[in-house]
Amino acid sequence: FEGRHSIHELWLTLREYKTYPLVQLPANMILTISTQIPIQFLGRMFSTAALGGYSMACKILSVPVSLLATPVNRVYYREAAEKKNRGEDIGSFCFSIIEKNIKMAILPIGILILFGEKIISLFLGEKWRIAGTYIAILGILYLLKYCSSCISGTLVIIRKQKVALVCSVWMIIHYSTAFAIAGILNFSLIYTIIFYAIADSIFNFGQILLTLYYAGFSIKKYLIFIVKYILGSALVIYGLYFALYNG
């Protein structure tokens, strides 16, 4: 930077954006550690084969996140940042992204939940059929994860990095507590994954709620939407699932 920026300018910039290295960096590190907790727990408590099936299910369900949520988030982040700089409301824009992407993702997630076992066994072989069962358990959770990924960075845009840090700490405590309870109660593998899916769904629901709250969007409208589309879709999809496989 010699000859282009003075030490004073660099110091002012560092002071203005100090929350990024002091708050956002620890938040990202904690988030990275938190994502490893399910893998570490399942790998230690159950067989390697069980972990393989779980990992395969997660990879398949993560495809919408990697192919759709990431590019959507890039466009969203730019547009939201520009709106914030112009002093415009980003809460409604944030919710519109959630609403549109949930409506778009419900059908493919529903198909994976209903026919995941048959699809997996057809393309990967019968030994991987259990991954289809895990997909059925984790489907709604990944629908919420998908939406959360689409709007990630919102708390940074509105200068709420400390809230993001609190969410990251909450996440690692939440995960650790869920798996500790599963271990103490000696849950089977299936019940452990079900318990984790419920706990993680609650976390993602709360994280999206906090994001919309600080972005200035109506929490009532968000809750109505969740009941209508997430819970409603879950009831229909899992009702069809049990009718197909237990009928």
C-alpha atoms as a PDB file:
ATOM      1  CA  PHE A   1       0.000   0.000   0.000  1.00  0.00           C
ATOM      2  CA  GLU A   2       3.030   2.302   0.055  1.00  0.00           C
ATOM      3  CA  GLY A   3       2.336   5.527  -1.808  1.00  0.00           C
ATOM      4  CA  ARG A   4      -1.370   4.733  -2.222  1.00  0.00           C
ATOM      5  CA  HIS A   5      -2.781   4.742   1.317  1.00  0.00           C
ATOM      6  CA  SER A   6      -1.476   6.383   4.433  1.00  0.00           C
ATOM      7  CA  ILE A   7      -1.074   4.560   7.735  1.00  0.00           C
ATOM      8  CA  HIS A   8      -3.804   6.824   9.079  1.00  0.00           C
ATOM      9  CA  GLU A   9      -6.247   5.664   6.375  1.00  0.00           C
ATOM     10  CA  LEU A  10      -5.454   2.022   7.059  1.00  0.00           C
ATOM     11  CA  TRP A  11      -5.921   2.547  10.789  1.00  0.00           C
ATOM     12  CA  LEU A  12      -9.305   4.230  10.261  1.00  0.00           C
ATOM     13  CA  THR A  13     -10.418   1.362   8.016  1.00  0.00           C
ATOM     14  CA  LEU A  14      -9.294  -1.239  10.556  1.00  0.00           C
ATOM     15  CA  ARG A  15     -11.067   0.590  13.360  1.00  0.00           C
ATOM     16  CA  GLU A  16     -14.297   0.910  11.350  1.00  0.00           C
ATOM     17  CA  TYR A  17     -14.399  -2.766  10.371  1.00  0.00           C
ATOM     18  CA  LYS A  18     -12.821  -4.277  13.499  1.00  0.00           C
ATOM     19  CA  THR A  19     -15.907  -6.421  14.107  1.00  0.00           C
ATOM     20  CA  TYR A  20     -14.939  -8.638  11.168  1.00  0.00           C
ATOM     21  CA  PRO A  21     -11.670 -10.032  12.601  1.00  0.00           C
ATOM     22  CA  LEU A  22     -12.816  -9.758  16.229  1.00  0.00           C
ATOM     23  CA  VAL A  23     -16.344 -11.178  15.877  1.00  0.00           C
ATOM     24  CA  GLN A  24     -16.965 -12.682  12.438  1.00  0.00           C
ATOM     25  CA  LEU A  25     -13.755 -14.735  12.361  1.00  0.00           C
ATOM     26  CA  PRO A  26     -14.495 -16.549  15.670  1.00  0.00           C
ATOM     27  CA  ALA A  27     -18.107 -17.032  14.541  1.00  0.00           C
ATOM     28  CA  ASN A  28     -16.973 -18.721  11.318  1.00  0.00           C
ATOM     29  CA  MET A  29     -14.472 -20.917  13.180  1.00  0.00           C
ATOM     30  CA  ILE A  30     -17.103 -22.066  15.695  1.00  0.00           C
ATOM     31  CA  LEU A  31     -19.533 -22.737  12.843  1.00  0.00           C
ATOM     32  CA  THR A  32     -16.957 -24.931  11.094  1.00  0.00           C
ATOM     33  CA  ILE A  33     -16.315 -26.913  14.284  1.00  0.00           C
ATOM     34  CA  SER A  34     -20.060 -27.306  14.910  1.00  0.00           C
ATOM     35  CA  THR A  35     -20.663 -28.937  11.529  1.00  0.00           C
ATOM     36  CA  GLN A  36     -18.210 -31.708  12.477  1.00  0.00           C
ATOM     37  CA  ILE A  37     -20.039 -32.678  15.681  1.00  0.00           C
ATOM     38  CA  PRO A  38     -22.647 -35.002  14.060  1.00  0.00           C
ATOM     39  CA  ILE A  39     -19.963 -36.814  12.042  1.00  0.00           C
ATOM     40  CA  GLN A  40     -17.639 -37.214  15.039  1.00  0.00           C
ATOM     41  CA  PHE A  41     -20.414 -38.446  17.338  1.00  0.00           C
ATOM     42  CA  LEU A  42     -21.923 -40.923  14.874  1.00  0.00           C
ATOM     43  CA  GLY A  43     -18.474 -42.178  13.909  1.00  0.00           C
ATOM     44  CA  ARG A  44     -17.505 -42.844  17.532  1.00  0.00           C
ATOM     45  CA  MET A  45     -20.819 -44.217  18.780  1.00  0.00           C
ATOM     46  CA  PHE A  46     -21.831 -46.345  15.799  1.00  0.00           C
ATOM     47  CA  SER A  47     -20.188 -48.285  12.977  1.00  0.00           C
ATOM     48  CA  THR A  48     -18.231 -46.887  10.054  1.00  0.00           C
ATOM     49  CA  ALA A  49     -20.905 -48.263   7.737  1.00  0.00           C
ATOM     50  CA  ALA A  50     -23.555 -46.261   9.600  1.00  0.00           C
ATOM     51  CA  LEU A  51     -21.457 -43.120   9.235  1.00  0.00           C
ATOM     52  CA  GLY A  52     -21.010 -43.846   5.526  1.00  0.00           C
ATOM     53  CA  GLY A  53     -24.759 -44.068   4.964  1.00  0.00           C
ATOM     54  CA  TYR A  54     -25.357 -40.863   6.904  1.00  0.00           C
ATOM     55  CA  SER A  55     -22.607 -39.022   4.995  1.00  0.00           C
ATOM     56  CA  MET A  56     -24.028 -40.195   1.658  1.00  0.00           C
ATOM     57  CA  ALA A  57     -27.507 -38.976   2.628  1.00  0.00           C
ATOM     58  CA  CYS A  58     -26.095 -35.577   3.615  1.00  0.00           C
ATOM     59  CA  LYS A  59     -24.133 -35.282   0.360  1.00  0.00           C
ATOM     60  CA  ILE A  60     -27.223 -36.017  -1.741  1.00  0.00           C
ATOM     61  CA  LEU A  61     -29.399 -33.595   0.236  1.00  0.00           C
ATOM     62  CA  SER A  62     -26.636 -30.962   0.008  1.00  0.00           C
ATOM     63  CA  VAL A  63     -26.795 -30.909  -3.796  1.00  0.00           C
ATOM     64  CA  PRO A  64     -29.527 -28.186  -3.874  1.00  0.00           C
ATOM     65  CA  VAL A  65     -27.427 -26.134  -1.446  1.00  0.00           C
ATOM     66  CA  SER A  66     -24.279 -26.365  -3.545  1.00  0.00           C
ATOM     67  CA  LEU A  67     -25.965 -25.940  -6.935  1.00  0.00           C
ATOM     68  CA  LEU A  68     -28.701 -23.421  -6.102  1.00  0.00           C
ATOM     69  CA  ALA A  69     -28.303 -21.829  -2.668  1.00  0.00           C
ATOM     70  CA  THR A  70     -24.723 -20.632  -3.204  1.00  0.00           C
ATOM     71  CA  PRO A  71     -25.352 -18.673  -6.435  1.00  0.00           C
ATOM     72  CA  VAL A  72     -28.685 -17.402  -5.076  1.00  0.00           C
ATOM     73  CA  ASN A  73     -26.900 -16.180  -1.950  1.00  0.00           C
ATOM     74  CA  ARG A  74     -24.262 -14.340  -3.989  1.00  0.00           C
ATOM     75  CA  VAL A  75     -26.924 -12.400  -5.891  1.00  0.00           C
ATOM     76  CA  TYR A  76     -28.977 -11.869  -2.732  1.00  0.00           C
ATOM     77  CA  TYR A  77     -25.983 -10.590  -0.754  1.00  0.00           C
ATOM     78  CA  ARG A  78     -25.120  -8.020  -3.409  1.00  0.00           C
ATOM     79  CA  GLU A  79     -28.704  -6.807  -3.802  1.00  0.00           C
ATOM     80  CA  ALA A  80     -29.324  -6.711  -0.045  1.00  0.00           C
ATOM     81  CA  ALA A  81     -26.090  -4.773   0.571  1.00  0.00           C
ATOM     82  CA  GLU A  82     -27.038  -2.224  -2.080  1.00  0.00           C
ATOM     83  CA  LYS A  83     -30.529  -1.854  -0.606  1.00  0.00           C
ATOM     84  CA  LYS A  84     -29.049  -1.368   2.860  1.00  0.00           C
ATOM     85  CA  ASN A  85     -26.642   1.293   1.573  1.00  0.00           C
ATOM     86  CA  ARG A  86     -29.579   3.129  -0.039  1.00  0.00           C
ATOM     87  CA  GLY A  87     -31.486   2.993   3.245  1.00  0.00           C
ATOM     88  CA  GLU A  88     -34.158   0.647   1.869  1.00  0.00           C
ATOM     89  CA  ASP A  89     -35.927  -2.148   3.753  1.00  0.00           C
ATOM     90  CA  ILE A  90     -34.184  -5.499   3.301  1.00  0.00           C
ATOM     91  CA  GLY A  91     -36.496  -7.497   5.579  1.00  0.00           C
ATOM     92  CA  SER A  92     -39.144  -8.006   2.901  1.00  0.00           C
ATOM     93  CA  PHE A  93     -36.464  -8.797   0.331  1.00  0.00           C
ATOM     94  CA  CYS A  94     -34.919 -11.373   2.681  1.00  0.00           C
ATOM     95  CA  PHE A  95     -38.283 -13.052   3.288  1.00  0.00           C
ATOM     96  CA  SER A  96     -39.106 -13.080  -0.443  1.00  0.00           C
ATOM     97  CA  ILE A  97     -35.919 -15.076  -1.068  1.00  0.00           C
ATOM     98  CA  ILE A  98     -36.906 -17.586   1.636  1.00  0.00           C
ATOM     99  CA  GLU A  99     -40.466 -17.842   0.349  1.00  0.00           C
ATOM    100  CA  LYS A 100     -39.525 -18.400  -3.302  1.00  0.00           C
ATOM    101  CA  ASN A 101     -36.784 -20.903  -2.562  1.00  0.00           C
ATOM    102  CA  ILE A 102     -38.870 -22.974  -0.159  1.00  0.00           C
ATOM    103  CA  LYS A 103     -41.637 -23.209  -2.759  1.00  0.00           C
ATOM    104  CA  MET A 104     -39.054 -24.246  -5.359  1.00  0.00           C
ATOM    105  CA  ALA A 105     -37.321 -26.827  -3.140  1.00  0.00           C
ATOM    106  CA  ILE A 106     -40.367 -28.527  -1.598  1.00  0.00           C
ATOM    107  CA  LEU A 107     -41.063 -30.751  -4.633  1.00  0.00           C
ATOM    108  CA  PRO A 108     -37.537 -32.223  -5.125  1.00  0.00           C
ATOM    109  CA  ILE A 109     -37.096 -32.679  -1.358  1.00  0.00           C
ATOM    110  CA  GLY A 110     -40.501 -34.377  -1.209  1.00  0.00           C
ATOM    111  CA  ILE A 111     -39.529 -36.749  -4.033  1.00  0.00           C
ATOM    112  CA  LEU A 112     -36.274 -37.630  -2.257  1.00  0.00           C
ATOM    113  CA  ILE A 113     -38.121 -38.309   1.006  1.00  0.00           C
ATOM    114  CA  LEU A 114     -40.744 -40.499  -0.657  1.00  0.00           C
ATOM    115  CA  PHE A 115     -38.578 -42.393  -3.127  1.00  0.00           C
ATOM    116  CA  GLY A 116     -35.048 -41.919  -1.795  1.00  0.00           C
ATOM    117  CA  GLU A 117     -34.599 -45.570  -0.825  1.00  0.00           C
ATOM    118  CA  LYS A 118     -35.598 -46.810  -4.296  1.00  0.00           C
ATOM    119  CA  ILE A 119     -33.526 -44.153  -6.090  1.00  0.00           C
ATOM    120  CA  ILE A 120     -30.423 -44.824  -3.983  1.00  0.00           C
ATOM    121  CA  SER A 121     -30.667 -48.625  -4.310  1.00  0.00           C
ATOM    122  CA  LEU A 122     -31.203 -48.300  -8.072  1.00  0.00           C
ATOM    123  CA  PHE A 123     -28.144 -46.137  -8.730  1.00  0.00           C
ATOM    124  CA  LEU A 124     -25.788 -47.129  -5.891  1.00  0.00           C
ATOM    125  CA  GLY A 125     -26.899 -50.661  -5.031  1.00  0.00           C
ATOM    126  CA  GLU A 126     -28.860 -52.286  -2.231  1.00  0.00           C
ATOM    127  CA  LYS A 127     -26.086 -51.822   0.339  1.00  0.00           C
ATOM    128  CA  TRP A 128     -26.702 -48.061   0.186  1.00  0.00           C
ATOM    129  CA  ARG A 129     -30.486 -48.329   0.694  1.00  0.00           C
ATOM    130  CA  ILE A 130     -30.092 -47.176   4.317  1.00  0.00           C
ATOM    131  CA  ALA A 131     -28.930 -43.797   2.981  1.00  0.00           C
ATOM    132  CA  GLY A 132     -32.407 -43.402   1.508  1.00  0.00           C
ATOM    133  CA  THR A 133     -33.889 -43.948   4.965  1.00  0.00           C
ATOM    134  CA  TYR A 134     -31.645 -41.231   6.377  1.00  0.00           C
ATOM    135  CA  ILE A 135     -32.710 -38.920   3.536  1.00  0.00           C
ATOM    136  CA  ALA A 136     -36.340 -39.433   4.553  1.00  0.00           C
ATOM    137  CA  ILE A 137     -35.454 -38.427   8.131  1.00  0.00           C
ATOM    138  CA  LEU A 138     -33.284 -35.423   7.211  1.00  0.00           C
ATOM    139  CA  GLY A 139     -35.321 -34.054   4.290  1.00  0.00           C
ATOM    140  CA  ILE A 140     -37.239 -31.264   6.044  1.00  0.00           C
ATOM    141  CA  LEU A 141     -34.113 -30.269   7.967  1.00  0.00           C
ATOM    142  CA  TYR A 142     -32.226 -29.744   4.706  1.00  0.00           C
ATOM    143  CA  LEU A 143     -35.115 -27.714   3.341  1.00  0.00           C
ATOM    144  CA  LEU A 144     -34.561 -25.286   6.234  1.00  0.00           C
ATOM    145  CA  LYS A 145     -30.774 -25.468   5.780  1.00  0.00           C
ATOM    146  CA  TYR A 146     -31.228 -24.614   2.117  1.00  0.00           C
ATOM    147  CA  CYS A 147     -33.238 -21.497   2.941  1.00  0.00           C
ATOM    148  CA  SER A 148     -30.794 -20.497   5.673  1.00  0.00           C
ATOM    149  CA  SER A 149     -27.934 -20.764   3.162  1.00  0.00           C
ATOM    150  CA  CYS A 150     -29.768 -18.553   0.664  1.00  0.00           C
ATOM    151  CA  ILE A 151     -29.893 -15.638   3.111  1.00  0.00           C
ATOM    152  CA  SER A 152     -26.582 -16.201   4.910  1.00  0.00           C
ATOM    153  CA  GLY A 153     -24.654 -12.994   5.436  1.00  0.00           C
ATOM    154  CA  THR A 154     -27.726 -10.910   6.245  1.00  0.00           C
ATOM    155  CA  LEU A 155     -26.563 -10.290   9.813  1.00  0.00           C
ATOM    156  CA  VAL A 156     -23.230  -9.071   8.442  1.00  0.00           C
ATOM    157  CA  ILE A 157     -24.970  -6.667   6.055  1.00  0.00           C
ATOM    158  CA  ILE A 158     -26.990  -5.101   8.865  1.00  0.00           C
ATOM    159  CA  ARG A 159     -23.924  -4.953  11.127  1.00  0.00           C
ATOM    160  CA  LYS A 160     -25.147  -7.600  13.587  1.00  0.00           C
ATOM    161  CA  GLN A 161     -21.969  -9.676  13.673  1.00  0.00           C
ATOM    162  CA  LYS A 162     -22.306 -10.181  17.422  1.00  0.00           C
ATOM    163  CA  VAL A 163     -25.675 -11.831  16.848  1.00  0.00           C
ATOM    164  CA  ALA A 164     -24.005 -14.114  14.277  1.00  0.00           C
ATOM    165  CA  LEU A 165     -21.380 -15.009  16.888  1.00  0.00           C
ATOM    166  CA  VAL A 166     -24.093 -15.779  19.450  1.00  0.00           C
ATOM    167  CA  CYS A 167     -25.823 -18.009  16.871  1.00  0.00           C
ATOM    168  CA  SER A 168     -22.575 -19.897  16.251  1.00  0.00           C
ATOM    169  CA  VAL A 169     -22.027 -20.447  19.990  1.00  0.00           C
ATOM    170  CA  TRP A 170     -25.659 -21.467  20.356  1.00  0.00           C
ATOM    171  CA  MET A 171     -25.177 -23.931  17.484  1.00  0.00           C
ATOM    172  CA  ILE A 172     -22.234 -25.767  19.049  1.00  0.00           C
ATOM    173  CA  ILE A 173     -24.006 -25.927  22.443  1.00  0.00           C
ATOM    174  CA  HIS A 174     -27.238 -27.048  20.763  1.00  0.00           C
ATOM    175  CA  TYR A 175     -25.539 -29.848  18.809  1.00  0.00           C
ATOM    176  CA  SER A 176     -23.421 -30.989  21.750  1.00  0.00           C
ATOM    177  CA  THR A 177     -26.453 -31.102  24.049  1.00  0.00           C
ATOM    178  CA  ALA A 178     -28.556 -33.015  21.512  1.00  0.00           C
ATOM    179  CA  PHE A 179     -25.935 -35.719  20.996  1.00  0.00           C
ATOM    180  CA  ALA A 180     -25.132 -35.865  24.719  1.00  0.00           C
ATOM    181  CA  ILE A 181     -28.809 -36.553  25.451  1.00  0.00           C
ATOM    182  CA  ALA A 182     -28.896 -39.188  22.679  1.00  0.00           C
ATOM    183  CA  GLY A 183     -25.819 -40.841  24.188  1.00  0.00           C
ATOM    184  CA  ILE A 184     -27.104 -40.757  27.771  1.00  0.00           C
ATOM    185  CA  LEU A 185     -30.478 -42.206  26.760  1.00  0.00           C
ATOM    186  CA  ASN A 186     -28.685 -44.804  24.614  1.00  0.00           C
ATOM    187  CA  PHE A 187     -30.668 -44.045  21.473  1.00  0.00           C
ATOM    188  CA  SER A 188     -30.313 -46.336  18.486  1.00  0.00           C
ATOM    189  CA  LEU A 189     -28.781 -44.925  15.308  1.00  0.00           C
ATOM    190  CA  ILE A 190     -32.154 -44.176  13.703  1.00  0.00           C
ATOM    191  CA  TYR A 191     -33.514 -42.461  16.815  1.00  0.00           C
ATOM    192  CA  THR A 192     -30.285 -40.506  17.208  1.00  0.00           C
ATOM    193  CA  ILE A 193     -30.579 -39.151  13.657  1.00  0.00           C
ATOM    194  CA  ILE A 194     -34.282 -38.355  14.188  1.00  0.00           C
ATOM    195  CA  PHE A 195     -33.448 -36.528  17.425  1.00  0.00           C
ATOM    196  CA  TYR A 196     -30.617 -34.625  15.723  1.00  0.00           C
ATOM    197  CA  ALA A 197     -32.857 -33.701  12.763  1.00  0.00           C
ATOM    198  CA  ILE A 198     -35.487 -32.253  15.112  1.00  0.00           C
ATOM    199  CA  ALA A 199     -32.878 -30.356  17.161  1.00  0.00           C
ATOM    200  CA  ASP A 200     -31.135 -28.951  14.083  1.00  0.00           C
ATOM    201  CA  SER A 201     -34.472 -27.971  12.515  1.00  0.00           C
ATOM    202  CA  ILE A 202     -35.277 -25.984  15.655  1.00  0.00           C
ATOM    203  CA  PHE A 203     -31.880 -24.272  15.426  1.00  0.00           C
ATOM    204  CA  ASN A 204     -32.284 -23.338  11.743  1.00  0.00           C
ATOM    205  CA  PHE A 205     -35.845 -22.150  12.345  1.00  0.00           C
ATOM    206  CA  GLY A 206     -34.608 -19.928  15.185  1.00  0.00           C
ATOM    207  CA  GLN A 207     -31.670 -18.615  13.179  1.00  0.00           C
ATOM    208  CA  ILE A 208     -33.905 -17.583  10.279  1.00  0.00           C
ATOM    209  CA  LEU A 209     -36.338 -16.018  12.751  1.00  0.00           C
ATOM    210  CA  LEU A 210     -33.548 -13.936  14.332  1.00  0.00           C
ATOM    211  CA  THR A 211     -32.301 -12.865  10.915  1.00  0.00           C
ATOM    212  CA  LEU A 212     -35.753 -11.663   9.854  1.00  0.00           C
ATOM    213  CA  TYR A 213     -36.312  -9.986  13.228  1.00  0.00           C
ATOM    214  CA  TYR A 214     -33.132  -7.907  12.979  1.00  0.00           C
ATOM    215  CA  ALA A 215     -33.841  -7.232   9.297  1.00  0.00           C
ATOM    216  CA  GLY A 216     -37.157  -5.688  10.358  1.00  0.00           C
ATOM    217  CA  PHE A 217     -39.587  -8.242   8.917  1.00  0.00           C
ATOM    218  CA  SER A 218     -42.850  -9.274  10.608  1.00  0.00           C
ATOM    219  CA  ILE A 219     -42.282 -12.366  12.742  1.00  0.00           C
ATOM    220  CA  LYS A 220     -46.008 -13.141  12.605  1.00  0.00           C
ATOM    221  CA  LYS A 221     -45.890 -13.440   8.801  1.00  0.00           C
ATOM    222  CA  TYR A 222     -42.829 -15.654   9.057  1.00  0.00           C
ATOM    223  CA  LEU A 223     -44.495 -17.981  11.564  1.00  0.00           C
ATOM    224  CA  ILE A 224     -47.646 -18.224   9.434  1.00  0.00           C
ATOM    225  CA  PHE A 225     -45.497 -19.089   6.418  1.00  0.00           C
ATOM    226  CA  ILE A 226     -43.584 -21.771   8.340  1.00  0.00           C
ATOM    227  CA  VAL A 227     -46.799 -23.373   9.593  1.00  0.00           C
ATOM    228  CA  LYS A 228     -48.360 -23.273   6.139  1.00  0.00           C
ATOM    229  CA  TYR A 229     -45.460 -24.434   3.992  1.00  0.00           C
ATOM    230  CA  ILE A 230     -42.944 -26.254   6.213  1.00  0.00           C
ATOM    231  CA  LEU A 231     -45.223 -27.966   8.727  1.00  0.00           C
ATOM    232  CA  GLY A 232     -47.994 -28.395   6.156  1.00  0.00           C
ATOM    233  CA  SER A 233     -45.621 -29.922   3.613  1.00  0.00           C
ATOM    234  CA  ALA A 234     -44.054 -32.151   6.283  1.00  0.00           C
ATOM    235  CA  LEU A 235     -47.460 -33.519   7.286  1.00  0.00           C
ATOM    236  CA  VAL A 236     -48.410 -34.260   3.676  1.00  0.00           C
ATOM    237  CA  ILE A 237     -45.042 -35.744   2.679  1.00  0.00           C
ATOM    238  CA  TYR A 238     -44.610 -37.931   5.755  1.00  0.00           C
ATOM    239  CA  GLY A 239     -48.262 -38.940   5.603  1.00  0.00           C
ATOM    240  CA  LEU A 240     -47.670 -40.209   2.066  1.00  0.00           C
ATOM    241  CA  TYR A 241     -44.407 -41.831   3.189  1.00  0.00           C
ATOM    242  CA  PHE A 242     -46.064 -43.899   5.927  1.00  0.00           C
ATOM    243  CA  ALA A 243     -48.947 -44.749   3.594  1.00  0.00           C
ATOM    244  CA  LEU A 244     -46.506 -46.041   0.964  1.00  0.00           C
ATOM    245  CA  TYR A 245     -44.259 -48.042   3.248  1.00  0.00           C
ATOM    246  CA  ASN A 246     -46.651 -49.121   6.001  1.00  0.00           C
ATOM    247  CA  GLY A 247     -49.842 -49.447   4.042  1.00  0.00           C
END
